[in-house]
Amino acid sequence: MTTEFAHEPDAHRYTMRVGGDVVSILEYQDHGVGTVMHHTVTLPRFRGKGYAAELVGFAVDDVETRGRGPIIPSCWYVAEWFERHPERSALLAAR
């Protein structure tokens, strides 16, 4: 099955599709001085496969590439993702 990631700036979200189905969504707000990642969800029938982690990784890479950091993880899942990936902590906003 094909996996596709997309940044949908007009909708303020990132999506992950597998086999054409949307499986996970990460919503954010770009405040011009940082990106607040405030909601991540994987549709119930697709949970437990690591899709949300893959999507957060894609979104973090994209924010870094576009120079839209720092990242403020108000979503608990994004915050936990950064705890599991301390090598990416330089992208986080200072607390």
Protein backbone atom coordinates (compact mmCIF):
# COMPACT_ATOMS: atom_id res chain seq x y z
CA MET A 1 0.00 0.00 0.00
CA THR A 2 1.10 3.52 -0.79
CA THR A 3 1.76 5.94 2.07
CA GLU A 4 1.38 9.65 1.36
CA PHE A 5 2.05 12.63 3.60
CA ALA A 6 0.67 16.08 2.85
CA HIS A 7 0.90 19.56 4.27
CA GLU A 8 -2.42 21.35 3.82
CA PRO A 9 -1.62 24.95 4.84
CA ASP A 10 -5.10 26.33 4.07
CA ALA A 11 -6.57 23.80 6.54
CA HIS A 12 -3.66 24.25 9.02
CA ARG A 13 -2.99 20.53 9.10
CA TYR A 14 -0.81 17.65 8.01
CA THR A 15 -2.34 14.39 6.83
CA MET A 16 -1.17 10.85 6.30
CA ARG A 17 -2.91 8.58 3.83
CA VAL A 18 -2.40 4.85 3.42
CA GLY A 19 -3.89 3.23 0.34
CA GLY A 20 -5.80 6.45 -0.32
CA ASP A 21 -7.47 6.51 3.12
CA VAL A 22 -6.73 9.34 5.57
CA VAL A 23 -5.38 7.54 8.63
CA SER A 24 -3.94 10.36 10.76
CA ILE A 25 -4.21 14.16 11.05
CA LEU A 26 -2.08 16.73 12.88
CA GLU A 27 -3.56 20.21 13.28
CA TYR A 28 -1.44 23.29 13.97
CA GLN A 29 -1.40 27.08 14.08
CA ASP A 30 1.46 29.10 12.63
CA HIS A 31 1.78 32.27 14.72
CA GLY A 32 4.60 33.76 12.68
CA VAL A 33 6.97 33.30 15.60
CA GLY A 34 6.46 29.57 15.96
CA THR A 35 4.17 26.69 15.17
CA VAL A 36 1.74 25.38 17.79
CA MET A 37 0.95 21.71 17.20
CA HIS A 38 -2.32 21.39 19.07
CA HIS A 39 -4.12 18.22 17.97
CA THR A 40 -3.14 14.83 16.60
CA VAL A 41 -5.58 12.04 15.86
CA THR A 42 -5.49 8.66 14.19
CA LEU A 43 -8.82 7.30 13.03
CA PRO A 44 -9.88 4.47 15.35
CA ARG A 45 -9.65 1.63 12.85
CA PHE A 46 -6.04 2.57 12.04
CA ARG A 47 -4.73 2.98 15.59
CA GLY A 48 -1.86 0.97 17.00
CA LYS A 49 0.23 0.98 13.81
CA GLY A 50 2.52 3.93 14.55
CA TYR A 51 0.89 6.24 12.03
CA ALA A 52 0.66 9.24 14.36
CA ALA A 53 4.38 8.99 15.15
CA GLU A 54 5.22 8.91 11.44
CA LEU A 55 3.00 11.92 10.80
CA VAL A 56 4.50 13.95 13.65
CA GLY A 57 7.98 13.15 12.30
CA PHE A 58 6.94 14.37 8.85
CA ALA A 59 5.41 17.55 10.28
CA VAL A 60 8.46 18.31 12.43
CA ASP A 61 10.74 17.85 9.42
CA ASP A 62 8.53 20.13 7.34
CA VAL A 63 8.42 22.89 9.98
CA GLU A 64 12.21 22.71 10.26
CA THR A 65 12.70 22.79 6.47
CA ARG A 66 10.37 25.75 6.05
CA GLY A 67 11.96 27.63 8.97
CA ARG A 68 8.61 27.95 10.81
CA GLY A 69 9.85 27.01 14.26
CA PRO A 70 10.13 26.90 17.10
CA ILE A 71 7.52 24.25 17.77
CA ILE A 72 5.16 24.57 20.71
CA PRO A 73 3.62 21.12 21.40
CA SER A 74 0.29 21.81 23.13
CA CYS A 75 -0.89 18.35 22.01
CA TRP A 76 0.10 15.69 24.56
CA TYR A 77 1.02 13.26 21.79
CA VAL A 78 3.42 15.70 20.10
CA ALA A 79 4.98 16.48 23.51
CA GLU A 80 5.52 12.74 24.12
CA TRP A 81 6.97 12.36 20.61
CA PHE A 82 9.62 14.97 21.48
CA GLU A 83 10.36 13.12 24.74
CA ARG A 84 11.02 9.97 22.67
CA HIS A 85 13.16 11.99 20.20
CA PRO A 86 15.40 14.23 22.35
CA GLU A 87 17.71 14.71 19.37
CA ARG A 88 14.98 16.96 17.90
CA SER A 89 14.54 19.11 21.04
CA ALA A 90 16.43 22.04 19.50
CA LEU A 91 13.24 22.70 17.51
CA LEU A 92 11.18 23.26 20.66
CA ALA A 93 10.28 26.69 21.97
CA ALA A 94 12.11 27.66 25.16
CA ARG A 95 9.98 27.13 28.25
